[in-house]
Amino acid sequence: MERLVGEALKDGGQAVRNQAGHIVDLLERAESWEDAELLLLEAFPDLDDPDFQTTMEAAQVAADLLGRYAVRLETGRA
């Protein structure tokens, strides 16, 4: 899963890509999309607006991948 998230983050810069596992952990802790945004902003306070926007877009892809993976695990198709 972390490899897939790392691929989804390929446009977010090397520093963000290296944090794919951390981003997955933050997304799993978040209770809402707004919560995820706040957690990501706290985790990466040095990102400027374009980089943060790219990171948020990649996090949306990562969240989608996590959701799909969870469904596959629940249905035995993982």
Protein backbone atom coordinates (compact mmCIF):
# COMPACT_ATOMS: atom_id res chain seq x y z
CA MET A 1 0.00 0.00 0.00
CA GLU A 2 2.79 2.43 0.85
CA ARG A 3 4.34 1.81 -2.60
CA LEU A 4 1.03 2.70 -4.27
CA VAL A 5 0.71 5.84 -2.19
CA GLY A 6 4.31 6.73 -3.04
CA GLU A 7 3.44 6.45 -6.72
CA ALA A 8 0.34 8.60 -6.23
CA LEU A 9 2.55 11.21 -4.60
CA LYS A 10 5.12 11.29 -7.40
CA ASP A 11 4.28 14.91 -8.23
CA GLY A 12 4.41 16.03 -4.61
CA GLY A 13 8.19 16.15 -4.41
CA GLN A 14 10.78 13.75 -3.04
CA ALA A 15 10.32 14.83 0.58
CA VAL A 16 6.60 14.09 0.47
CA ARG A 17 7.11 10.83 -1.45
CA ASN A 18 9.52 9.67 1.25
CA GLN A 19 6.71 10.20 3.78
CA ALA A 20 4.16 7.94 2.04
CA GLY A 21 3.87 5.66 5.08
CA HIS A 22 3.36 8.65 7.36
CA ILE A 23 0.67 10.01 5.04
CA VAL A 24 -1.11 6.64 5.07
CA ASP A 25 -1.04 6.69 8.88
CA LEU A 26 -2.48 10.22 8.94
CA LEU A 27 -5.27 9.28 6.53
CA GLU A 28 -6.16 6.24 8.64
CA ARG A 29 -6.36 8.44 11.77
CA ALA A 30 -8.51 11.11 10.16
CA GLU A 31 -12.23 10.99 10.84
CA SER A 32 -13.16 13.33 7.98
CA TRP A 33 -11.59 14.91 4.93
CA GLU A 34 -11.24 18.19 6.86
CA ASP A 35 -9.48 16.30 9.64
CA ALA A 36 -7.11 14.74 7.09
CA GLU A 37 -6.33 18.18 5.66
CA LEU A 38 -5.49 19.54 9.12
CA LEU A 39 -3.33 16.52 9.96
CA LEU A 40 -1.44 16.85 6.67
CA LEU A 41 -0.95 20.58 7.19
CA GLU A 42 0.44 19.93 10.67
CA ALA A 43 2.72 17.18 9.36
CA PHE A 44 4.06 19.27 6.47
CA PRO A 45 4.00 22.92 7.66
CA ASP A 46 6.79 23.99 5.29
CA LEU A 47 4.90 23.21 2.09
CA ASP A 48 3.90 26.27 0.10
CA ASP A 49 0.42 26.54 -1.42
CA PRO A 50 1.11 24.78 -4.76
CA ASP A 51 3.02 21.94 -3.06
CA PHE A 52 0.33 21.58 -0.39
CA GLN A 53 -2.36 21.48 -3.07
CA THR A 54 -0.44 18.77 -4.92
CA THR A 55 -0.05 16.86 -1.66
CA MET A 56 -3.79 17.15 -0.95
CA GLU A 57 -4.63 15.86 -4.42
CA ALA A 58 -2.27 12.94 -3.92
CA ALA A 59 -3.79 12.29 -0.48
CA GLN A 60 -7.23 12.07 -2.10
CA VAL A 61 -5.87 9.40 -4.45
CA ALA A 62 -4.23 7.66 -1.49
CA ALA A 63 -7.50 7.74 0.48
CA ASP A 64 -9.32 6.24 -2.50
CA LEU A 65 -6.70 3.49 -2.77
CA LEU A 66 -6.95 2.77 0.96
CA GLY A 67 -10.73 2.52 0.72
CA ARG A 68 -10.57 0.16 -2.23
CA TYR A 69 -7.96 -1.96 -0.49
CA ALA A 70 -10.09 -2.15 2.67
CA VAL A 71 -13.07 -3.35 0.64
CA ARG A 72 -10.93 -5.99 -1.04
CA LEU A 73 -9.69 -7.19 2.35
CA GLU A 74 -13.26 -7.39 3.68
CA THR A 75 -14.48 -9.34 0.65
CA GLY A 76 -11.45 -11.64 0.51
CA ARG A 77 -10.29 -10.33 -2.86
CA ALA A 78 -7.03 -8.73 -1.68
